[in-house]
Amino acid sequence: MNIMRISSRRNTSIVEAVKLLNDTAYRKQLGKIAAEGTKLFYDALTSGADIDTIIATEHLETELSGVDVNRLIIVPDNLFSSISTQKSPQGLLFFCNRPDTTAGVERGNYIVLDGVQDPGNVGTIIRSAAAFDIKGVILCGPCADPYGPKAVRASMGAVFRIPIFFLDVDELCQLCNDIEIPLYSTCTSKDATDIRNLNTRPVAVVIGSEGQGVSREISERSIGTVTIPMAGGTESLNAAVAASILMWEIAGKRGAI
């Protein structure tokens, strides 16, 4: 392992780290996951994530010196605080290589996110998907990056344990055909099927964006619509809450829990 000691914020390694933490397009270009915090780090390590670089404060050097990574960068506390994404930094951030999810897609339940733009919601949905034995999370449209620090933190490390797919609508429909599962969209219409009465399984269920719901393109290509019954006066649920309820229902119906 290459151990570096850096004290300047202008160092190229620190400049790159700041860009990876804050620039979604750059993370995607380099195929990286950006995360911060000691618990997330050990979750990633336990899950077999391909950790490339660690940046940590000096008090963690001895603890991390035996970890198998390409680079361990040791920085003073004040430099770490200046690049951290957290209000109370834990002294450790790290970057992983994104996993390859292009092969070996299994038949099972999937949750599809259609333009869910809040990273906290995306991460929370991934966390629930892992808890409810969902086979994978599929992102369509302009979703928040599940591999950015906010989403990774909200997922509580689940991004390292569950497959995440980035598909357009045609690819989504093709995947559903290939593994022989129906695609349902969520909506608030009274004509939609109560999720408790959906007997089809396994299934892929689409959660729409926080403001617009499921896009017309996906809705028109879905086999049907499902809804979560709510008490009068409640128009909708938070995307992560709705997704968690839906996943509980579809997982329970096939005896996954």
C-alpha atoms as a PDB file:
ATOM      1  CA  MET A   1       0.000   0.000   0.000  1.00  0.00           C
ATOM      2  CA  ASN A   2       1.194   3.491  -0.903  1.00  0.00           C
ATOM      3  CA  ILE A   3       1.021   5.797   2.137  1.00  0.00           C
ATOM      4  CA  MET A   4       1.141   9.540   1.396  1.00  0.00           C
ATOM      5  CA  ARG A   5       1.216  12.492   3.778  1.00  0.00           C
ATOM      6  CA  ILE A   6      -0.333  15.666   2.424  1.00  0.00           C
ATOM      7  CA  SER A   7      -0.789  19.026   4.131  1.00  0.00           C
ATOM      8  CA  SER A   8      -1.829  21.299   1.250  1.00  0.00           C
ATOM      9  CA  ARG A   9      -5.359  21.637  -0.104  1.00  0.00           C
ATOM     10  CA  ARG A  10      -3.840  22.456  -3.495  1.00  0.00           C
ATOM     11  CA  ASN A  11      -2.246  19.019  -3.790  1.00  0.00           C
ATOM     12  CA  THR A  12      -3.607  17.259  -6.884  1.00  0.00           C
ATOM     13  CA  SER A  13      -4.794  14.251  -4.870  1.00  0.00           C
ATOM     14  CA  ILE A  14      -6.826  16.497  -2.565  1.00  0.00           C
ATOM     15  CA  VAL A  15      -8.204  18.508  -5.499  1.00  0.00           C
ATOM     16  CA  GLU A  16      -9.345  15.270  -7.136  1.00  0.00           C
ATOM     17  CA  ALA A  17     -10.905  14.050  -3.884  1.00  0.00           C
ATOM     18  CA  VAL A  18     -12.930  17.252  -3.525  1.00  0.00           C
ATOM     19  CA  LYS A  19     -14.150  16.889  -7.104  1.00  0.00           C
ATOM     20  CA  LEU A  20     -15.130  13.257  -6.557  1.00  0.00           C
ATOM     21  CA  LEU A  21     -17.057  14.191  -3.427  1.00  0.00           C
ATOM     22  CA  ASN A  22     -18.995  16.996  -5.095  1.00  0.00           C
ATOM     23  CA  ASP A  23     -19.207  16.298  -8.844  1.00  0.00           C
ATOM     24  CA  THR A  24     -21.640  13.578  -9.920  1.00  0.00           C
ATOM     25  CA  ALA A  25     -20.499  13.584 -13.547  1.00  0.00           C
ATOM     26  CA  TYR A  26     -16.849  13.231 -12.526  1.00  0.00           C
ATOM     27  CA  ARG A  27     -17.637  10.290 -10.221  1.00  0.00           C
ATOM     28  CA  LYS A  28     -19.490   8.607 -13.063  1.00  0.00           C
ATOM     29  CA  GLN A  29     -16.673   9.326 -15.519  1.00  0.00           C
ATOM     30  CA  LEU A  30     -14.120   7.664 -13.248  1.00  0.00           C
ATOM     31  CA  GLY A  31     -16.494   4.929 -12.080  1.00  0.00           C
ATOM     32  CA  LYS A  32     -16.146   5.789  -8.388  1.00  0.00           C
ATOM     33  CA  ILE A  33     -18.188   5.627  -5.209  1.00  0.00           C
ATOM     34  CA  ALA A  34     -17.526   8.436  -2.719  1.00  0.00           C
ATOM     35  CA  ALA A  35     -18.262   7.869   0.961  1.00  0.00           C
ATOM     36  CA  GLU A  36     -17.337   9.236   4.353  1.00  0.00           C
ATOM     37  CA  GLY A  37     -17.299   7.833   7.855  1.00  0.00           C
ATOM     38  CA  THR A  38     -15.677   4.969   9.734  1.00  0.00           C
ATOM     39  CA  LYS A  39     -18.818   2.795   9.970  1.00  0.00           C
ATOM     40  CA  LEU A  40     -19.460   3.065   6.233  1.00  0.00           C
ATOM     41  CA  PHE A  41     -15.824   2.248   5.586  1.00  0.00           C
ATOM     42  CA  TYR A  42     -15.964  -0.990   7.565  1.00  0.00           C
ATOM     43  CA  ASP A  43     -19.312  -1.855   5.966  1.00  0.00           C
ATOM     44  CA  ALA A  44     -17.675  -1.452   2.558  1.00  0.00           C
ATOM     45  CA  LEU A  45     -14.687  -3.516   3.650  1.00  0.00           C
ATOM     46  CA  THR A  46     -16.879  -6.317   5.021  1.00  0.00           C
ATOM     47  CA  SER A  47     -19.026  -6.293   1.868  1.00  0.00           C
ATOM     48  CA  GLY A  48     -15.988  -6.807  -0.357  1.00  0.00           C
ATOM     49  CA  ALA A  49     -16.106  -3.384  -2.006  1.00  0.00           C
ATOM     50  CA  ASP A  50     -13.140  -2.526  -4.215  1.00  0.00           C
ATOM     51  CA  ILE A  51     -11.744   0.311  -2.100  1.00  0.00           C
ATOM     52  CA  ASP A  52      -9.188   2.337  -4.021  1.00  0.00           C
ATOM     53  CA  THR A  53      -8.225   5.329  -1.862  1.00  0.00           C
ATOM     54  CA  ILE A  54      -8.597   6.340   1.786  1.00  0.00           C
ATOM     55  CA  ILE A  55      -8.079   9.859   3.099  1.00  0.00           C
ATOM     56  CA  ALA A  56      -7.823   9.950   6.884  1.00  0.00           C
ATOM     57  CA  THR A  57      -6.557  12.062   9.726  1.00  0.00           C
ATOM     58  CA  GLU A  58      -3.359  11.211  11.521  1.00  0.00           C
ATOM     59  CA  HIS A  59      -4.978   9.501  14.533  1.00  0.00           C
ATOM     60  CA  LEU A  60      -6.336   6.748  12.252  1.00  0.00           C
ATOM     61  CA  GLU A  61      -3.054   5.936  10.484  1.00  0.00           C
ATOM     62  CA  THR A  62      -2.088   2.992  12.687  1.00  0.00           C
ATOM     63  CA  GLU A  63      -5.593   1.485  12.499  1.00  0.00           C
ATOM     64  CA  LEU A  64      -5.682   1.720   8.701  1.00  0.00           C
ATOM     65  CA  SER A  65      -2.106   0.815   7.854  1.00  0.00           C
ATOM     66  CA  GLY A  66      -2.945  -2.875   7.393  1.00  0.00           C
ATOM     67  CA  VAL A  67      -5.912  -2.327   5.068  1.00  0.00           C
ATOM     68  CA  ASP A  68      -5.410  -3.523   1.492  1.00  0.00           C
ATOM     69  CA  VAL A  69      -5.980  -0.420  -0.669  1.00  0.00           C
ATOM     70  CA  ASN A  70      -3.990   1.332  -3.379  1.00  0.00           C
ATOM     71  CA  ARG A  71      -3.496   4.584  -1.481  1.00  0.00           C
ATOM     72  CA  LEU A  72      -3.779   5.755   2.093  1.00  0.00           C
ATOM     73  CA  ILE A  73      -3.513   9.541   2.311  1.00  0.00           C
ATOM     74  CA  ILE A  74      -2.860  10.968   5.774  1.00  0.00           C
ATOM     75  CA  VAL A  75      -3.816  14.603   6.335  1.00  0.00           C
ATOM     76  CA  PRO A  76      -3.950  16.968   9.325  1.00  0.00           C
ATOM     77  CA  ASP A  77      -7.304  17.586  11.024  1.00  0.00           C
ATOM     78  CA  ASN A  78      -7.777  21.092   9.640  1.00  0.00           C
ATOM     79  CA  LEU A  79      -7.252  19.947   6.046  1.00  0.00           C
ATOM     80  CA  PHE A  80      -9.662  17.053   6.486  1.00  0.00           C
ATOM     81  CA  SER A  81     -12.319  19.372   7.925  1.00  0.00           C
ATOM     82  CA  SER A  82     -11.977  21.681   4.924  1.00  0.00           C
ATOM     83  CA  ILE A  83     -12.815  18.917   2.423  1.00  0.00           C
ATOM     84  CA  SER A  84     -15.301  16.880   4.466  1.00  0.00           C
ATOM     85  CA  THR A  85     -18.986  16.775   3.474  1.00  0.00           C
ATOM     86  CA  GLN A  86     -20.100  16.350   7.086  1.00  0.00           C
ATOM     87  CA  LYS A  87     -20.723  18.903   9.820  1.00  0.00           C
ATOM     88  CA  SER A  88     -18.947  16.689  12.343  1.00  0.00           C
ATOM     89  CA  PRO A  89     -16.225  14.854  10.375  1.00  0.00           C
ATOM     90  CA  GLN A  90     -15.148  11.430  11.602  1.00  0.00           C
ATOM     91  CA  GLY A  91     -11.707  11.730  10.057  1.00  0.00           C
ATOM     92  CA  LEU A  92     -12.079   9.216   7.224  1.00  0.00           C
ATOM     93  CA  LEU A  93     -13.367   9.335   3.666  1.00  0.00           C
ATOM     94  CA  PHE A  94     -12.812   6.830   0.909  1.00  0.00           C
ATOM     95  CA  PHE A  95     -13.396   6.036  -2.741  1.00  0.00           C
ATOM     96  CA  CYS A  96     -14.368   2.677  -4.238  1.00  0.00           C
ATOM     97  CA  ASN A  97     -14.607   1.411  -7.776  1.00  0.00           C
ATOM     98  CA  ARG A  98     -18.213   0.907  -8.868  1.00  0.00           C
ATOM     99  CA  PRO A  99     -19.247  -2.753  -9.129  1.00  0.00           C
ATOM    100  CA  ASP A 100     -20.026  -4.346 -12.485  1.00  0.00           C
ATOM    101  CA  THR A 101     -23.737  -5.224 -12.523  1.00  0.00           C
ATOM    102  CA  THR A 102     -24.048  -5.978 -16.240  1.00  0.00           C
ATOM    103  CA  ALA A 103     -24.029  -9.763 -15.877  1.00  0.00           C
ATOM    104  CA  GLY A 104     -25.932 -12.340 -13.912  1.00  0.00           C
ATOM    105  CA  VAL A 105     -29.270 -10.555 -13.476  1.00  0.00           C
ATOM    106  CA  GLU A 106     -31.503 -12.771 -11.336  1.00  0.00           C
ATOM    107  CA  ARG A 107     -35.246 -13.202 -11.500  1.00  0.00           C
ATOM    108  CA  GLY A 108     -36.894 -11.612  -8.480  1.00  0.00           C
ATOM    109  CA  ASN A 109     -38.468  -8.430  -7.163  1.00  0.00           C
ATOM    110  CA  TYR A 110     -37.064  -5.084  -8.307  1.00  0.00           C
ATOM    111  CA  ILE A 111     -37.754  -1.487  -7.341  1.00  0.00           C
ATOM    112  CA  VAL A 112     -37.440   1.085 -10.129  1.00  0.00           C
ATOM    113  CA  LEU A 113     -36.715   4.755  -9.416  1.00  0.00           C
ATOM    114  CA  ASP A 114     -37.981   7.074 -12.149  1.00  0.00           C
ATOM    115  CA  GLY A 115     -36.398  10.486 -11.692  1.00  0.00           C
ATOM    116  CA  VAL A 116     -36.070  10.361  -7.878  1.00  0.00           C
ATOM    117  CA  GLN A 117     -33.763  13.309  -7.364  1.00  0.00           C
ATOM    118  CA  ASP A 118     -33.228  13.550  -3.626  1.00  0.00           C
ATOM    119  CA  PRO A 119     -30.070  11.628  -2.633  1.00  0.00           C
ATOM    120  CA  GLY A 120     -31.471  10.974   0.830  1.00  0.00           C
ATOM    121  CA  ASN A 121     -34.527   9.294  -0.684  1.00  0.00           C
ATOM    122  CA  VAL A 122     -32.414   7.273  -3.114  1.00  0.00           C
ATOM    123  CA  GLY A 123     -30.132   6.058  -0.331  1.00  0.00           C
ATOM    124  CA  THR A 124     -33.018   5.243   2.006  1.00  0.00           C
ATOM    125  CA  ILE A 125     -34.775   3.242  -0.721  1.00  0.00           C
ATOM    126  CA  ILE A 126     -31.586   1.245  -1.331  1.00  0.00           C
ATOM    127  CA  ARG A 127     -31.342   0.577   2.406  1.00  0.00           C
ATOM    128  CA  SER A 128     -34.932  -0.717   2.478  1.00  0.00           C
ATOM    129  CA  ALA A 129     -34.350  -2.784  -0.671  1.00  0.00           C
ATOM    130  CA  ALA A 130     -31.497  -4.617   1.029  1.00  0.00           C
ATOM    131  CA  ALA A 131     -33.637  -5.223   4.125  1.00  0.00           C
ATOM    132  CA  PHE A 132     -36.551  -6.638   2.121  1.00  0.00           C
ATOM    133  CA  ASP A 133     -34.494  -8.954  -0.114  1.00  0.00           C
ATOM    134  CA  ILE A 134     -35.131  -6.982  -3.306  1.00  0.00           C
ATOM    135  CA  LYS A 135     -32.907  -8.325  -6.091  1.00  0.00           C
ATOM    136  CA  GLY A 136     -31.848  -4.912  -7.350  1.00  0.00           C
ATOM    137  CA  VAL A 137     -32.590  -1.208  -7.592  1.00  0.00           C
ATOM    138  CA  ILE A 138     -33.033   0.188 -11.102  1.00  0.00           C
ATOM    139  CA  LEU A 139     -32.526   3.902 -11.791  1.00  0.00           C
ATOM    140  CA  CYS A 140     -34.191   5.528 -14.807  1.00  0.00           C
ATOM    141  CA  GLY A 141     -34.131   9.160 -15.814  1.00  0.00           C
ATOM    142  CA  PRO A 142     -32.499  11.990 -13.854  1.00  0.00           C
ATOM    143  CA  CYS A 143     -32.123  10.270 -10.485  1.00  0.00           C
ATOM    144  CA  ALA A 144     -29.715  11.362  -7.787  1.00  0.00           C
ATOM    145  CA  ASP A 145     -26.393   9.524  -7.849  1.00  0.00           C
ATOM    146  CA  PRO A 146     -26.668   6.526  -5.505  1.00  0.00           C
ATOM    147  CA  TYR A 147     -22.874   6.518  -5.259  1.00  0.00           C
ATOM    148  CA  GLY A 148     -22.508  10.065  -3.934  1.00  0.00           C
ATOM    149  CA  PRO A 149     -21.700  10.684  -0.249  1.00  0.00           C
ATOM    150  CA  LYS A 150     -25.237  11.733   0.789  1.00  0.00           C
ATOM    151  CA  ALA A 151     -26.940   8.734  -0.807  1.00  0.00           C
ATOM    152  CA  VAL A 152     -24.299   6.289   0.437  1.00  0.00           C
ATOM    153  CA  ARG A 153     -24.713   7.660   3.971  1.00  0.00           C
ATOM    154  CA  ALA A 154     -28.527   7.391   3.772  1.00  0.00           C
ATOM    155  CA  SER A 155     -28.204   3.803   2.536  1.00  0.00           C
ATOM    156  CA  MET A 156     -26.215   2.887   5.665  1.00  0.00           C
ATOM    157  CA  GLY A 157     -23.816   0.916   3.476  1.00  0.00           C
ATOM    158  CA  ALA A 158     -26.489  -0.997   1.525  1.00  0.00           C
ATOM    159  CA  VAL A 159     -25.038   0.329  -1.751  1.00  0.00           C
ATOM    160  CA  PHE A 160     -22.163  -2.076  -1.186  1.00  0.00           C
ATOM    161  CA  ARG A 161     -24.495  -5.071  -0.872  1.00  0.00           C
ATOM    162  CA  ILE A 162     -27.273  -4.713  -3.441  1.00  0.00           C
ATOM    163  CA  PRO A 163     -27.020  -4.461  -7.258  1.00  0.00           C
ATOM    164  CA  ILE A 164     -27.821  -1.056  -8.745  1.00  0.00           C
ATOM    165  CA  PHE A 165     -28.673  -0.714 -12.435  1.00  0.00           C
ATOM    166  CA  PHE A 166     -28.734   2.404 -14.608  1.00  0.00           C
ATOM    167  CA  LEU A 167     -31.172   1.790 -17.473  1.00  0.00           C
ATOM    168  CA  ASP A 168     -33.203   3.804 -19.952  1.00  0.00           C
ATOM    169  CA  VAL A 169     -36.854   2.917 -20.522  1.00  0.00           C
ATOM    170  CA  ASP A 170     -36.178   0.549 -23.422  1.00  0.00           C
ATOM    171  CA  GLU A 171     -33.507  -1.281 -21.411  1.00  0.00           C
ATOM    172  CA  LEU A 172     -35.838  -1.491 -18.417  1.00  0.00           C
ATOM    173  CA  CYS A 173     -38.619  -3.072 -20.478  1.00  0.00           C
ATOM    174  CA  GLN A 174     -36.151  -5.456 -22.121  1.00  0.00           C
ATOM    175  CA  LEU A 175     -34.809  -6.542 -18.732  1.00  0.00           C
ATOM    176  CA  CYS A 176     -38.328  -7.243 -17.468  1.00  0.00           C
ATOM    177  CA  ASN A 177     -39.014  -9.312 -20.590  1.00  0.00           C
ATOM    178  CA  ASP A 178     -35.743 -11.207 -20.283  1.00  0.00           C
ATOM    179  CA  ILE A 179     -36.312 -12.277 -16.681  1.00  0.00           C
ATOM    180  CA  GLU A 180     -40.082 -12.630 -17.175  1.00  0.00           C
ATOM    181  CA  ILE A 181     -41.408 -10.219 -14.569  1.00  0.00           C
ATOM    182  CA  PRO A 182     -44.234  -7.683 -15.039  1.00  0.00           C
ATOM    183  CA  LEU A 183     -43.676  -3.946 -14.668  1.00  0.00           C
ATOM    184  CA  TYR A 184     -46.140  -1.937 -12.565  1.00  0.00           C
ATOM    185  CA  SER A 185     -46.188   1.811 -11.987  1.00  0.00           C
ATOM    186  CA  THR A 186     -47.359   3.498  -8.807  1.00  0.00           C
ATOM    187  CA  CYS A 187     -50.037   6.191  -8.767  1.00  0.00           C
ATOM    188  CA  THR A 188     -52.701   7.636  -6.463  1.00  0.00           C
ATOM    189  CA  SER A 189     -55.663   6.811  -8.727  1.00  0.00           C
ATOM    190  CA  LYS A 190     -58.621   4.987  -7.202  1.00  0.00           C
ATOM    191  CA  ASP A 191     -58.599   2.758 -10.290  1.00  0.00           C
ATOM    192  CA  ALA A 192     -55.144   1.398  -9.463  1.00  0.00           C
ATOM    193  CA  THR A 193     -54.734  -1.997  -7.780  1.00  0.00           C
ATOM    194  CA  ASP A 194     -54.307  -1.898  -4.013  1.00  0.00           C
ATOM    195  CA  ILE A 195     -50.738  -3.133  -3.487  1.00  0.00           C
ATOM    196  CA  ARG A 196     -52.057  -5.577  -0.865  1.00  0.00           C
ATOM    197  CA  ASN A 197     -54.127  -7.246  -3.563  1.00  0.00           C
ATOM    198  CA  LEU A 198     -51.358  -7.620  -6.131  1.00  0.00           C
ATOM    199  CA  ASN A 199     -50.931 -11.376  -6.452  1.00  0.00           C
ATOM    200  CA  THR A 200     -48.386 -11.274  -9.273  1.00  0.00           C
ATOM    201  CA  ARG A 201     -44.843 -12.143  -8.183  1.00  0.00           C
ATOM    202  CA  PRO A 202     -42.032 -11.566  -8.692  1.00  0.00           C
ATOM    203  CA  VAL A 203     -42.558  -8.037  -9.954  1.00  0.00           C
ATOM    204  CA  ALA A 204     -40.869  -4.722 -10.747  1.00  0.00           C
ATOM    205  CA  VAL A 205     -42.552  -1.657  -9.245  1.00  0.00           C
ATOM    206  CA  VAL A 206     -41.805   1.919 -10.322  1.00  0.00           C
ATOM    207  CA  ILE A 207     -41.593   4.849  -7.900  1.00  0.00           C
ATOM    208  CA  GLY A 208     -41.837   8.227  -9.619  1.00  0.00           C
ATOM    209  CA  SER A 209     -40.123  11.528  -8.934  1.00  0.00           C
ATOM    210  CA  GLU A 210     -40.977  13.513  -5.821  1.00  0.00           C
ATOM    211  CA  GLY A 211     -42.837  16.201  -7.765  1.00  0.00           C
ATOM    212  CA  GLN A 212     -44.141  14.608 -10.967  1.00  0.00           C
ATOM    213  CA  GLY A 213     -44.669  10.930 -10.165  1.00  0.00           C
ATOM    214  CA  VAL A 214     -44.019   8.207 -12.714  1.00  0.00           C
ATOM    215  CA  SER A 215     -43.231   9.522 -16.182  1.00  0.00           C
ATOM    216  CA  ARG A 216     -45.791   9.019 -18.928  1.00  0.00           C
ATOM    217  CA  GLU A 217     -43.284   7.011 -20.970  1.00  0.00           C
ATOM    218  CA  ILE A 218     -42.841   4.386 -18.265  1.00  0.00           C
ATOM    219  CA  SER A 219     -46.480   4.447 -17.182  1.00  0.00           C
ATOM    220  CA  GLU A 220     -47.675   3.709 -20.720  1.00  0.00           C
ATOM    221  CA  ARG A 221     -45.331   0.727 -20.995  1.00  0.00           C
ATOM    222  CA  SER A 222     -46.262  -0.753 -17.629  1.00  0.00           C
ATOM    223  CA  ILE A 223     -48.648  -3.683 -17.421  1.00  0.00           C
ATOM    224  CA  GLY A 224     -50.724  -1.885 -14.795  1.00  0.00           C
ATOM    225  CA  THR A 225     -50.729   0.497 -11.831  1.00  0.00           C
ATOM    226  CA  VAL A 226     -50.651  -0.050  -8.090  1.00  0.00           C
ATOM    227  CA  THR A 227     -51.371   2.249  -5.193  1.00  0.00           C
ATOM    228  CA  ILE A 228     -50.968   2.413  -1.419  1.00  0.00           C
ATOM    229  CA  PRO A 229     -54.310   3.019   0.334  1.00  0.00           C
ATOM    230  CA  MET A 230     -54.234   6.096   2.567  1.00  0.00           C
ATOM    231  CA  ALA A 231     -56.609   7.839   4.933  1.00  0.00           C
ATOM    232  CA  GLY A 232     -58.643  10.706   3.558  1.00  0.00           C
ATOM    233  CA  GLY A 233     -56.856  14.037   3.329  1.00  0.00           C
ATOM    234  CA  THR A 234     -53.453  12.511   2.552  1.00  0.00           C
ATOM    235  CA  GLU A 235     -52.512  13.080  -1.068  1.00  0.00           C
ATOM    236  CA  SER A 236     -49.166  11.305  -1.239  1.00  0.00           C
ATOM    237  CA  LEU A 237     -46.241   9.823   0.663  1.00  0.00           C
ATOM    238  CA  ASN A 238     -42.558  10.617   0.645  1.00  0.00           C
ATOM    239  CA  ALA A 239     -40.873   8.599  -2.126  1.00  0.00           C
ATOM    240  CA  ALA A 240     -38.700   6.608   0.277  1.00  0.00           C
ATOM    241  CA  VAL A 241     -41.620   5.852   2.595  1.00  0.00           C
ATOM    242  CA  ALA A 242     -43.807   4.733  -0.320  1.00  0.00           C
ATOM    243  CA  ALA A 243     -41.043   2.567  -1.763  1.00  0.00           C
ATOM    244  CA  SER A 244     -40.426   0.894   1.592  1.00  0.00           C
ATOM    245  CA  ILE A 245     -44.112   0.030   2.010  1.00  0.00           C
ATOM    246  CA  LEU A 246     -44.286  -1.367  -1.520  1.00  0.00           C
ATOM    247  CA  MET A 247     -41.167  -3.470  -1.052  1.00  0.00           C
ATOM    248  CA  TRP A 248     -42.471  -4.856   2.237  1.00  0.00           C
ATOM    249  CA  GLU A 249     -45.638  -5.963   0.480  1.00  0.00           C
ATOM    250  CA  ILE A 250     -44.034  -7.547  -2.581  1.00  0.00           C
ATOM    251  CA  ALA A 251     -41.313  -9.246  -0.545  1.00  0.00           C
ATOM    252  CA  GLY A 252     -43.767 -10.653   1.973  1.00  0.00           C
ATOM    253  CA  LYS A 253     -45.985 -12.096  -0.739  1.00  0.00           C
ATOM    254  CA  ARG A 254     -43.265 -14.415  -1.935  1.00  0.00           C
ATOM    255  CA  GLY A 255     -42.118 -15.416   1.528  1.00  0.00           C
ATOM    256  CA  ALA A 256     -38.832 -13.527   1.390  1.00  0.00           C
ATOM    257  CA  ILE A 257     -39.004 -12.369   5.003  1.00  0.00           C
END
